């Protein structure tokens, strides 16, 4: 008879512990859910005002059919950017179709603040959004395109291709464009 009493006491104690554990879990769940419901109903809506950077540029130039002048690029980004320009030349026939033959870009002196490296012309300072470099790559004197009289014939076309890269962090400019960025933020040829 005594053993039966011990079993009953042990069974009653474990049942009480189980009920207590379930009660505590329910109480904590109710508190957490109540807090979450309060925060959701009382917290004001917050509008995200973050605007991602947009880095773009556009070519600006004058061309009268023979002379290409006032060649530069405009920073159409929403942040400061470095600009570079590549001049690509080829021959076309009278129908405007590309043809073979050797093409050389006529000699010109880049504007102050521009330098050439690996076929690109770089402007040495970052340019503000909506602005152009202080000095154009090819100024008012321009460059005269060639009409060829050799066996291939045709006339010269020079396409101006501009690229922009965000000015900060400067390490990205140095890595991506293989240039040197000094402490004042100007770029120069990589040594």
N, C-alpha and C. Protein backbone atom coordinates (compact mmCIF):
# COMPACT_ATOMS: atom_id res chain seq x y z
N UNK A 1 0.81 -1.17 0.00
CA UNK A 1 0.00 0.00 0.00
C UNK A 1 0.86 1.25 0.00
N UNK A 2 1.92 1.20 0.60
CA UNK A 2 2.82 2.32 0.70
C UNK A 2 3.41 2.64 -0.66
N UNK A 3 3.69 1.69 -1.44
CA UNK A 3 4.24 1.92 -2.76
C UNK A 3 3.24 2.63 -3.67
N UNK A 4 2.03 2.27 -3.55
CA UNK A 4 1.01 2.89 -4.35
C UNK A 4 0.90 4.38 -4.02
N UNK A 5 1.04 4.74 -2.77
CA UNK A 5 1.00 6.14 -2.34
C UNK A 5 2.16 6.92 -2.94
N UNK A 6 3.34 6.33 -2.99
CA UNK A 6 4.53 6.98 -3.55
C UNK A 6 4.35 7.22 -5.05
N UNK A 7 3.76 6.26 -5.72
CA UNK A 7 3.54 6.44 -7.15
C UNK A 7 2.56 7.57 -7.40
N UNK A 8 1.53 7.63 -6.57
CA UNK A 8 0.54 8.66 -6.74
C UNK A 8 1.14 10.04 -6.48
N UNK A 9 1.98 10.16 -5.47
CA UNK A 9 2.62 11.42 -5.12
C UNK A 9 3.55 11.87 -6.24
N UNK A 10 4.33 10.97 -6.80
CA UNK A 10 5.24 11.27 -7.90
C UNK A 10 4.47 11.69 -9.13
N UNK A 11 3.39 11.00 -9.40
CA UNK A 11 2.57 11.32 -10.55
C UNK A 11 1.92 12.69 -10.39
N UNK A 12 1.49 13.03 -9.22
CA UNK A 12 0.85 14.31 -8.95
C UNK A 12 1.87 15.43 -9.08
N UNK A 13 3.10 15.23 -8.62
CA UNK A 13 4.15 16.25 -8.71
C UNK A 13 4.54 16.51 -10.17
N UNK A 14 4.65 15.48 -10.97
CA UNK A 14 5.03 15.68 -12.37
C UNK A 14 3.90 16.35 -13.14
N UNK A 15 2.65 16.06 -12.79
CA UNK A 15 1.52 16.71 -13.43
C UNK A 15 1.51 18.19 -13.09
N UNK A 16 1.79 18.51 -11.83
CA UNK A 16 1.84 19.91 -11.42
C UNK A 16 2.96 20.65 -12.15
N UNK A 17 4.09 20.02 -12.32
CA UNK A 17 5.23 20.65 -13.03
C UNK A 17 4.87 20.88 -14.50
N UNK A 18 4.18 19.93 -15.09
CA UNK A 18 3.78 20.06 -16.49
C UNK A 18 2.81 21.22 -16.65
N UNK A 19 1.83 21.31 -15.75
CA UNK A 19 0.85 22.39 -15.81
C UNK A 19 1.54 23.74 -15.62
N UNK A 20 2.50 23.80 -14.68
CA UNK A 20 3.24 25.04 -14.42
C UNK A 20 4.06 25.45 -15.66
N UNK A 21 4.74 24.53 -16.32
CA UNK A 21 5.53 24.82 -17.52
C UNK A 21 4.65 25.32 -18.65
N UNK A 22 3.51 24.67 -18.87
CA UNK A 22 2.59 25.10 -19.93
C UNK A 22 2.04 26.48 -19.62
N UNK A 23 1.75 26.74 -18.36
CA UNK A 23 1.24 28.06 -17.97
C UNK A 23 2.27 29.15 -18.23
N UNK A 24 3.52 28.88 -17.91
CA UNK A 24 4.59 29.86 -18.13
C UNK A 24 4.77 30.12 -19.62
N UNK A 25 4.75 29.08 -20.44
CA UNK A 25 4.89 29.23 -21.90
C UNK A 25 3.73 30.06 -22.45
N UNK A 26 2.51 29.77 -22.01
CA UNK A 26 1.35 30.54 -22.47
C UNK A 26 1.44 31.99 -22.03
N UNK A 27 1.88 32.22 -20.80
CA UNK A 27 2.00 33.59 -20.29
C UNK A 27 3.05 34.37 -21.09
N UNK A 28 4.21 33.77 -21.37
CA UNK A 28 5.25 34.44 -22.16
C UNK A 28 4.78 34.69 -23.60
N UNK A 29 4.10 33.71 -24.19
CA UNK A 29 3.60 33.88 -25.56
C UNK A 29 2.59 35.02 -25.63
N UNK A 30 1.73 35.09 -24.65
CA UNK A 30 0.74 36.16 -24.62
C UNK A 30 1.42 37.51 -24.47
N UNK A 31 2.44 37.60 -23.62
CA UNK A 31 3.15 38.86 -23.41
C UNK A 31 3.87 39.30 -24.70
N UNK A 32 4.53 38.37 -25.37
CA UNK A 32 5.25 38.70 -26.60
C UNK A 32 4.26 39.12 -27.69
N UNK A 33 3.20 38.38 -27.87
CA UNK A 33 2.21 38.73 -28.89
C UNK A 33 1.55 40.07 -28.60
N UNK A 34 1.24 40.31 -27.33
CA UNK A 34 0.64 41.59 -26.94
C UNK A 34 1.57 42.75 -27.23
N UNK A 35 2.85 42.59 -26.93
CA UNK A 35 3.84 43.64 -27.20
C UNK A 35 3.96 43.89 -28.70
N UNK A 36 4.02 42.83 -29.49
CA UNK A 36 4.13 42.98 -30.95
C UNK A 36 2.89 43.67 -31.51
N UNK A 37 1.71 43.31 -31.03
CA UNK A 37 0.49 43.94 -31.53
C UNK A 37 0.47 45.43 -31.17
N UNK A 38 0.92 45.75 -29.96
CA UNK A 38 0.97 47.15 -29.54
C UNK A 38 1.93 47.94 -30.43
N UNK A 39 3.13 47.40 -30.68
CA UNK A 39 4.11 48.10 -31.49
C UNK A 39 3.63 48.29 -32.93
N UNK A 40 3.01 47.28 -33.49
CA UNK A 40 2.51 47.37 -34.86
C UNK A 40 1.41 48.43 -34.95
N UNK A 41 0.54 48.48 -33.97
CA UNK A 41 -0.58 49.43 -34.03
C UNK A 41 -0.18 50.85 -33.65
N UNK A 42 0.87 51.04 -32.88
CA UNK A 42 1.25 52.37 -32.39
C UNK A 42 2.47 52.98 -33.07
N UNK A 43 3.25 52.22 -33.83
CA UNK A 43 4.45 52.73 -34.48
C UNK A 43 4.07 53.45 -35.77
N UNK A 44 4.52 54.71 -35.93
CA UNK A 44 4.17 55.44 -37.16
C UNK A 44 4.89 54.86 -38.38
N UNK A 45 4.30 55.05 -39.55
CA UNK A 45 4.89 54.58 -40.80
C UNK A 45 6.11 55.44 -41.12
N UNK A 46 7.21 54.80 -41.49
CA UNK A 46 8.43 55.50 -41.85
C UNK A 46 8.66 55.33 -43.35
N UNK A 47 8.87 56.45 -44.03
CA UNK A 47 9.11 56.41 -45.47
C UNK A 47 10.61 56.33 -45.72
N UNK A 48 11.02 55.41 -46.59
CA UNK A 48 12.41 55.26 -46.95
C UNK A 48 12.80 56.39 -47.90
N UNK A 49 13.76 57.23 -47.49
CA UNK A 49 14.18 58.36 -48.32
C UNK A 49 15.53 58.12 -48.98
N UNK A 50 16.01 56.91 -48.94
CA UNK A 50 17.29 56.58 -49.55
C UNK A 50 17.18 56.59 -51.06
N UNK A 51 18.09 57.29 -51.70
CA UNK A 51 18.13 57.30 -53.17
C UNK A 51 19.48 56.74 -53.61
N UNK A 52 19.49 55.67 -54.38
CA UNK A 52 20.76 55.08 -54.82
C UNK A 52 21.47 56.01 -55.80
N UNK A 53 22.78 55.90 -55.83
CA UNK A 53 23.57 56.70 -56.77
C UNK A 53 23.33 56.23 -58.19
N UNK A 54 23.30 57.18 -59.09
CA UNK A 54 23.14 56.89 -60.51
C UNK A 54 24.33 57.55 -61.21
N UNK A 55 25.13 56.76 -61.90
CA UNK A 55 26.33 57.30 -62.56
C UNK A 55 26.16 57.18 -64.07
N UNK A 56 26.00 58.33 -64.73
CA UNK A 56 25.83 58.37 -66.18
C UNK A 56 26.49 59.63 -66.73
N UNK A 57 26.70 59.64 -68.02
CA UNK A 57 27.26 60.83 -68.67
C UNK A 57 26.77 60.87 -70.11
N UNK A 58 26.98 62.01 -70.76
CA UNK A 58 26.62 62.12 -72.16
C UNK A 58 27.68 62.93 -72.90
N UNK A 59 27.84 62.60 -74.16
CA UNK A 59 28.82 63.29 -75.02
C UNK A 59 28.21 64.61 -75.48
N UNK A 60 29.05 65.64 -75.49
CA UNK A 60 28.67 66.91 -76.08
C UNK A 60 29.74 67.27 -77.10
N UNK A 61 29.31 67.65 -78.31
CA UNK A 61 30.25 67.96 -79.39
C UNK A 61 29.55 68.79 -80.46
N UNK A 62 30.34 69.42 -81.30
CA UNK A 62 29.85 70.13 -82.47
C UNK A 62 30.51 69.49 -83.69
N UNK A 63 29.73 69.25 -84.74
CA UNK A 63 30.28 68.66 -85.95
C UNK A 63 29.57 69.26 -87.16
N UNK A 64 30.35 69.83 -88.06
CA UNK A 64 29.76 70.46 -89.24
C UNK A 64 29.90 69.61 -90.51
N UNK A 65 30.24 68.34 -90.34
CA UNK A 65 30.42 67.46 -91.49
C UNK A 65 31.89 67.27 -91.85
N UNK A 66 32.73 68.19 -91.42
CA UNK A 66 34.16 68.11 -91.71
C UNK A 66 35.01 68.28 -90.45
N UNK A 67 34.62 69.22 -89.58
CA UNK A 67 35.40 69.53 -88.38
C UNK A 67 34.61 69.15 -87.14
N UNK A 68 35.25 68.38 -86.25
CA UNK A 68 34.66 67.99 -84.96
C UNK A 68 35.32 68.87 -83.91
N UNK A 69 34.49 69.62 -83.14
CA UNK A 69 35.05 70.54 -82.14
C UNK A 69 34.16 70.56 -80.90
N UNK A 70 34.64 71.27 -79.88
CA UNK A 70 33.94 71.41 -78.60
C UNK A 70 33.56 70.05 -78.03
N UNK A 71 34.47 69.10 -78.10
CA UNK A 71 34.21 67.74 -77.63
C UNK A 71 34.45 67.66 -76.12
N UNK A 72 33.42 67.22 -75.40
CA UNK A 72 33.53 67.04 -73.95
C UNK A 72 32.45 66.05 -73.52
N UNK A 73 32.33 65.85 -72.22
CA UNK A 73 31.29 64.98 -71.67
C UNK A 73 30.63 65.71 -70.51
N UNK A 74 29.35 65.47 -70.34
CA UNK A 74 28.59 66.08 -69.25
C UNK A 74 28.28 64.99 -68.22
N UNK A 75 28.46 65.32 -66.95
CA UNK A 75 28.12 64.40 -65.88
C UNK A 75 26.61 64.48 -65.65
N UNK A 76 25.88 63.47 -66.09
CA UNK A 76 24.42 63.42 -65.89
C UNK A 76 24.06 62.58 -64.67
N UNK A 77 25.04 62.29 -63.84
CA UNK A 77 24.83 61.51 -62.61
C UNK A 77 24.18 62.37 -61.55
N UNK A 78 23.82 61.73 -60.43
CA UNK A 78 23.34 62.48 -59.28
C UNK A 78 24.42 62.60 -58.20
N UNK A 79 25.67 62.25 -58.56
CA UNK A 79 26.82 62.40 -57.66
C UNK A 79 28.03 62.86 -58.48
N UNK A 80 29.07 63.30 -57.77
CA UNK A 80 30.32 63.67 -58.45
C UNK A 80 30.89 62.44 -59.15
N UNK A 81 31.48 62.67 -60.33
CA UNK A 81 32.03 61.55 -61.10
C UNK A 81 33.27 61.99 -61.87
N UNK A 82 34.17 61.05 -62.10
CA UNK A 82 35.28 61.27 -63.02
C UNK A 82 34.80 60.89 -64.42
N UNK A 83 35.33 61.57 -65.42
CA UNK A 83 34.92 61.32 -66.80
C UNK A 83 36.13 60.94 -67.65
N UNK A 84 35.89 60.08 -68.63
CA UNK A 84 36.92 59.76 -69.62
C UNK A 84 36.25 59.60 -70.97
N UNK A 85 37.03 59.85 -72.01
CA UNK A 85 36.52 59.81 -73.37
C UNK A 85 37.45 58.95 -74.23
N UNK A 86 36.85 58.16 -75.10
CA UNK A 86 37.60 57.38 -76.09
C UNK A 86 37.15 57.84 -77.47
N UNK A 87 38.11 58.07 -78.34
CA UNK A 87 37.83 58.44 -79.72
C UNK A 87 38.03 57.20 -80.58
N UNK A 88 37.00 56.80 -81.30
CA UNK A 88 37.05 55.61 -82.14
C UNK A 88 36.85 56.07 -83.59
N UNK A 89 37.78 55.71 -84.47
CA UNK A 89 37.71 56.18 -85.85
C UNK A 89 37.67 55.01 -86.83
N UNK A 90 36.93 55.23 -87.91
CA UNK A 90 36.85 54.23 -88.98
C UNK A 90 36.42 54.95 -90.26
N UNK A 91 36.44 54.22 -91.37
CA UNK A 91 36.05 54.78 -92.68
C UNK A 91 34.64 54.33 -93.05
N UNK A 92 33.94 55.22 -93.76
CA UNK A 92 32.64 54.86 -94.32
C UNK A 92 32.60 55.27 -95.79
N UNK A 93 31.76 54.57 -96.56
CA UNK A 93 31.59 54.94 -97.97
C UNK A 93 30.49 56.00 -98.07
N UNK A 94 30.10 56.35 -99.27
CA UNK A 94 29.10 57.40 -99.46
C UNK A 94 27.73 57.01 -98.91
N UNK A 95 27.48 55.71 -98.73
CA UNK A 95 26.22 55.25 -98.15
C UNK A 95 26.28 55.16 -96.62
N UNK A 96 27.43 55.52 -96.03
CA UNK A 96 27.58 55.47 -94.58
C UNK A 96 27.92 54.10 -94.04
N UNK A 97 28.25 53.16 -94.92
CA UNK A 97 28.61 51.80 -94.50
C UNK A 97 30.10 51.75 -94.19
N UNK A 98 30.45 51.00 -93.16
CA UNK A 98 31.86 50.86 -92.81
C UNK A 98 32.61 50.14 -93.90
N UNK A 99 33.83 50.62 -94.15
CA UNK A 99 34.71 49.97 -95.12
C UNK A 99 36.09 49.82 -94.50
N UNK A 100 36.95 49.06 -95.15
CA UNK A 100 38.30 48.83 -94.63
C UNK A 100 39.20 50.03 -94.84
N UNK A 101 40.45 49.83 -94.56
CA UNK A 101 41.45 50.88 -94.73
C UNK A 101 41.96 51.36 -93.38
N UNK A 102 43.18 51.86 -93.41
CA UNK A 102 43.81 52.36 -92.19
C UNK A 102 43.24 53.73 -91.83
N UNK A 103 42.98 53.92 -90.54
CA UNK A 103 42.43 55.18 -90.06
C UNK A 103 43.26 55.66 -88.87
N UNK A 104 43.65 56.90 -88.93
CA UNK A 104 44.41 57.51 -87.83
C UNK A 104 43.67 58.76 -87.39
N UNK A 105 43.52 58.93 -86.10
CA UNK A 105 42.88 60.14 -85.58
C UNK A 105 43.86 61.29 -85.78
N UNK A 106 43.42 62.39 -86.40
CA UNK A 106 44.32 63.54 -86.62
C UNK A 106 44.90 64.03 -85.29
N UNK A 107 46.13 64.54 -85.35
CA UNK A 107 46.78 65.06 -84.15
C UNK A 107 46.00 66.24 -83.59
N UNK A 108 45.90 66.26 -82.29
CA UNK A 108 45.31 67.40 -81.60
C UNK A 108 45.94 67.46 -80.21
N UNK A 109 45.85 68.61 -79.58
CA UNK A 109 46.37 68.77 -78.22
C UNK A 109 45.17 68.77 -77.28
N UNK A 110 45.12 67.77 -76.37
CA UNK A 110 44.00 67.74 -75.43
C UNK A 110 43.96 69.02 -74.60
N UNK A 111 42.76 69.43 -74.22
CA UNK A 111 42.60 70.61 -73.38
C UNK A 111 43.30 70.45 -72.04
N UNK A 112 43.57 71.56 -71.39
CA UNK A 112 44.23 71.57 -70.09
C UNK A 112 43.43 70.74 -69.09
N UNK A 113 44.12 69.86 -68.37
CA UNK A 113 43.45 69.01 -67.39
C UNK A 113 43.10 67.64 -67.93
N UNK A 114 43.31 67.40 -69.21
CA UNK A 114 43.05 66.09 -69.81
C UNK A 114 44.39 65.39 -70.05
N UNK A 115 44.43 64.08 -69.86
CA UNK A 115 45.62 63.30 -70.20
C UNK A 115 45.19 62.00 -70.86
N UNK A 116 46.10 61.45 -71.69
CA UNK A 116 45.82 60.22 -72.43
C UNK A 116 46.53 59.06 -71.76
N UNK A 117 45.83 57.94 -71.63
CA UNK A 117 46.42 56.71 -71.13
C UNK A 117 45.64 55.54 -71.72
N UNK A 118 46.35 54.63 -72.36
CA UNK A 118 45.76 53.40 -72.91
C UNK A 118 44.58 53.67 -73.85
N UNK A 119 44.68 54.74 -74.65
CA UNK A 119 43.64 55.04 -75.63
C UNK A 119 42.46 55.84 -75.10
N UNK A 120 42.44 56.15 -73.82
CA UNK A 120 41.39 56.97 -73.23
C UNK A 120 41.96 58.33 -72.85
N UNK A 121 41.10 59.34 -72.90
CA UNK A 121 41.46 60.68 -72.42
C UNK A 121 40.68 60.92 -71.13
N UNK A 122 41.42 61.15 -70.05
CA UNK A 122 40.84 61.30 -68.72
C UNK A 122 40.84 62.77 -68.31
N UNK A 123 39.74 63.22 -67.70
CA UNK A 123 39.74 64.54 -67.09
C UNK A 123 40.21 64.37 -65.66
N UNK A 124 41.13 65.21 -65.20
CA UNK A 124 41.86 64.97 -63.96
C UNK A 124 41.08 65.24 -62.67
N UNK A 125 39.96 65.93 -62.74
CA UNK A 125 39.21 66.24 -61.52
C UNK A 125 37.79 65.67 -61.60
N UNK A 126 37.19 65.39 -60.44
CA UNK A 126 35.78 64.97 -60.49
C UNK A 126 34.90 66.12 -60.96
N UNK A 127 33.82 65.78 -61.62
CA UNK A 127 32.90 66.76 -62.17
C UNK A 127 31.58 66.64 -61.41
N UNK A 128 31.02 67.78 -61.01
CA UNK A 128 29.77 67.81 -60.25
C UNK A 128 28.59 67.38 -61.13
N UNK A 129 27.51 66.90 -60.51
CA UNK A 129 26.33 66.52 -61.28
C UNK A 129 25.81 67.68 -62.14
N UNK A 130 25.47 67.37 -63.38
CA UNK A 130 24.93 68.37 -64.29
C UNK A 130 25.96 69.29 -64.91
N UNK A 131 27.23 69.06 -64.63
CA UNK A 131 28.31 69.94 -65.10
C UNK A 131 29.17 69.24 -66.15
N UNK A 132 29.99 70.05 -66.84
CA UNK A 132 31.00 69.55 -67.76
C UNK A 132 32.36 69.95 -67.22
N UNK A 133 33.44 69.32 -67.68
CA UNK A 133 34.77 69.75 -67.25
C UNK A 133 35.02 71.22 -67.58
N UNK A 134 35.88 71.85 -66.81
CA UNK A 134 36.20 73.27 -67.00
C UNK A 134 36.76 73.53 -68.39
N UNK A 135 37.48 72.56 -68.94
CA UNK A 135 38.09 72.69 -70.27
C UNK A 135 37.65 71.49 -71.11
N UNK A 136 37.33 71.73 -72.36
CA UNK A 136 36.89 70.65 -73.24
C UNK A 136 38.10 69.85 -73.72
N UNK A 137 37.87 68.56 -74.04
CA UNK A 137 38.94 67.71 -74.57
C UNK A 137 39.45 68.28 -75.89
N UNK A 138 38.54 68.59 -76.80
CA UNK A 138 38.89 69.21 -78.09
C UNK A 138 38.12 70.53 -78.14
N UNK A 139 38.85 71.62 -78.24
CA UNK A 139 38.25 72.95 -78.17
C UNK A 139 37.70 73.46 -79.48
N UNK A 140 37.65 74.80 -79.59
CA UNK A 140 37.08 75.49 -80.76
C UNK A 140 37.82 75.22 -82.06
N UNK A 141 39.14 75.01 -81.97
CA UNK A 141 39.90 74.79 -83.20
C UNK A 141 39.53 73.45 -83.83
N UNK A 142 39.12 72.48 -83.02
CA UNK A 142 38.63 71.20 -83.52
C UNK A 142 39.66 70.36 -84.23
N UNK A 143 39.20 69.26 -84.80
CA UNK A 143 40.02 68.41 -85.65
C UNK A 143 39.27 68.16 -86.95
N UNK A 144 40.00 68.21 -88.03
CA UNK A 144 39.40 68.04 -89.36
C UNK A 144 39.47 66.57 -89.75
N UNK A 145 38.33 66.01 -90.11
CA UNK A 145 38.28 64.62 -90.53
C UNK A 145 38.77 64.50 -91.97
N UNK A 146 39.27 63.33 -92.30
CA UNK A 146 39.94 63.09 -93.57
C UNK A 146 38.98 62.47 -94.58
N UNK A 147 39.09 62.92 -95.84
CA UNK A 147 38.46 62.23 -96.96
C UNK A 147 39.62 61.55 -97.69
N UNK A 148 39.53 60.23 -97.84
CA UNK A 148 40.66 59.46 -98.35
C UNK A 148 40.64 59.38 -99.87
N UNK A 149 41.84 59.45 -100.44
CA UNK A 149 41.99 59.34 -101.90
C UNK A 149 42.75 58.07 -102.29
N UNK A 150 43.06 57.21 -101.32
CA UNK A 150 43.77 55.97 -101.65
C UNK A 150 42.78 54.96 -102.24
N UNK A 151 43.24 53.74 -102.47
CA UNK A 151 42.42 52.71 -103.12
C UNK A 151 41.16 52.37 -102.32
N UNK A 152 41.22 52.47 -100.99
CA UNK A 152 40.05 52.15 -100.17
C UNK A 152 39.00 53.27 -100.22
N UNK A 153 39.46 54.51 -100.36
CA UNK A 153 38.54 55.66 -100.46
C UNK A 153 37.75 55.89 -99.19
N UNK A 154 36.63 56.57 -99.34
CA UNK A 154 35.74 56.83 -98.21
C UNK A 154 36.14 58.06 -97.42
N UNK A 155 35.40 58.27 -96.34
CA UNK A 155 35.71 59.39 -95.45
C UNK A 155 35.78 58.90 -94.02
N UNK A 156 36.42 59.69 -93.19
CA UNK A 156 36.65 59.32 -91.81
C UNK A 156 35.45 59.66 -90.93
N UNK A 157 35.20 58.78 -89.96
CA UNK A 157 34.22 59.01 -88.91
C UNK A 157 34.96 58.90 -87.59
N UNK A 158 34.68 59.80 -86.66
CA UNK A 158 35.24 59.69 -85.31
C UNK A 158 34.06 59.67 -84.34
N UNK A 159 33.89 58.54 -83.68
CA UNK A 159 32.86 58.43 -82.64
C UNK A 159 33.48 58.81 -81.31
N UNK A 160 32.73 59.55 -80.53
CA UNK A 160 33.16 59.97 -79.20
C UNK A 160 32.37 59.15 -78.19
N UNK A 161 33.09 58.38 -77.39
CA UNK A 161 32.45 57.51 -76.39
C UNK A 161 32.89 58.00 -75.01
N UNK A 162 31.93 58.33 -74.17
CA UNK A 162 32.24 58.85 -72.83
C UNK A 162 31.84 57.83 -71.77
N UNK A 163 32.61 57.81 -70.69
CA UNK A 163 32.32 56.95 -69.55
C UNK A 163 32.46 57.77 -68.27
N UNK A 164 31.68 57.39 -67.25
CA UNK A 164 31.75 58.05 -65.95
C UNK A 164 31.89 56.99 -64.87
N UNK A 165 32.55 57.36 -63.79
CA UNK A 165 32.67 56.49 -62.62
C UNK A 165 32.56 57.38 -61.39
N UNK A 166 31.87 56.87 -60.36
CA UNK A 166 31.68 57.70 -59.17
C UNK A 166 33.01 58.09 -58.56
N UNK A 167 33.05 59.31 -58.03
CA UNK A 167 34.30 59.87 -57.53
C UNK A 167 34.74 59.27 -56.19
N UNK A 168 33.82 58.74 -55.42
CA UNK A 168 34.18 58.18 -54.11
C UNK A 168 33.58 56.80 -53.99
N UNK A 169 34.29 55.87 -53.46
CA UNK A 169 35.64 55.96 -52.94
C UNK A 169 36.67 55.99 -54.07
N UNK A 170 37.73 56.74 -53.85
CA UNK A 170 38.74 56.91 -54.89
C UNK A 170 39.47 55.60 -55.20
N UNK A 171 39.45 54.67 -54.26
CA UNK A 171 40.12 53.38 -54.51
C UNK A 171 39.46 52.65 -55.69
N UNK A 172 38.15 52.83 -55.86
CA UNK A 172 37.45 52.19 -56.98
C UNK A 172 37.92 52.79 -58.30
N UNK A 173 38.07 54.11 -58.33
CA UNK A 173 38.55 54.78 -59.53
C UNK A 173 39.93 54.27 -59.90
N UNK A 174 40.81 54.21 -58.91
CA UNK A 174 42.18 53.74 -59.14
C UNK A 174 42.19 52.30 -59.65
N UNK A 175 41.38 51.45 -59.06
CA UNK A 175 41.36 50.03 -59.45
C UNK A 175 40.70 49.81 -60.81
N UNK A 176 39.55 50.40 -61.03
CA UNK A 176 38.79 50.15 -62.26
C UNK A 176 39.38 50.83 -63.48
N UNK A 177 39.93 52.02 -63.31
CA UNK A 177 40.45 52.77 -64.46
C UNK A 177 41.98 52.75 -64.53
N UNK A 178 42.64 52.09 -63.59
CA UNK A 178 44.09 51.96 -63.61
C UNK A 178 44.79 53.32 -63.67
N UNK A 179 44.36 54.24 -62.81
CA UNK A 179 44.96 55.57 -62.70
C UNK A 179 45.42 55.78 -61.27
N UNK A 180 46.17 56.84 -61.06
CA UNK A 180 46.62 57.21 -59.71
C UNK A 180 45.74 58.35 -59.22
N UNK A 181 45.27 58.24 -57.98
CA UNK A 181 44.47 59.30 -57.37
C UNK A 181 45.29 59.87 -56.23
N UNK A 182 45.58 61.19 -56.29
CA UNK A 182 46.37 61.78 -55.21
C UNK A 182 45.47 62.26 -54.07
N UNK A 183 46.07 62.80 -53.02
CA UNK A 183 45.33 63.18 -51.82
C UNK A 183 44.29 64.28 -52.08
N UNK A 184 44.51 65.12 -53.07
CA UNK A 184 43.55 66.19 -53.35
C UNK A 184 42.40 65.71 -54.23
N UNK A 185 42.43 64.45 -54.66
CA UNK A 185 41.35 63.89 -55.46
C UNK A 185 41.53 64.00 -56.95
N UNK A 186 42.68 64.51 -57.41
CA UNK A 186 42.90 64.55 -58.86
C UNK A 186 43.54 63.24 -59.30
N UNK A 187 43.28 62.89 -60.56
CA UNK A 187 43.84 61.64 -61.08
C UNK A 187 44.93 61.95 -62.09
N UNK A 188 45.82 60.99 -62.25
CA UNK A 188 46.91 61.13 -63.21
C UNK A 188 47.27 59.74 -63.73
N UNK A 189 48.18 59.71 -64.70
CA UNK A 189 48.61 58.43 -65.27
C UNK A 189 49.18 57.53 -64.19
N UNK A 190 48.94 56.25 -64.36
CA UNK A 190 49.52 55.25 -63.46
C UNK A 190 50.98 55.06 -63.85
N UNK A 191 51.85 55.13 -62.88
CA UNK A 191 53.29 54.94 -63.18
C UNK A 191 53.68 53.51 -63.21
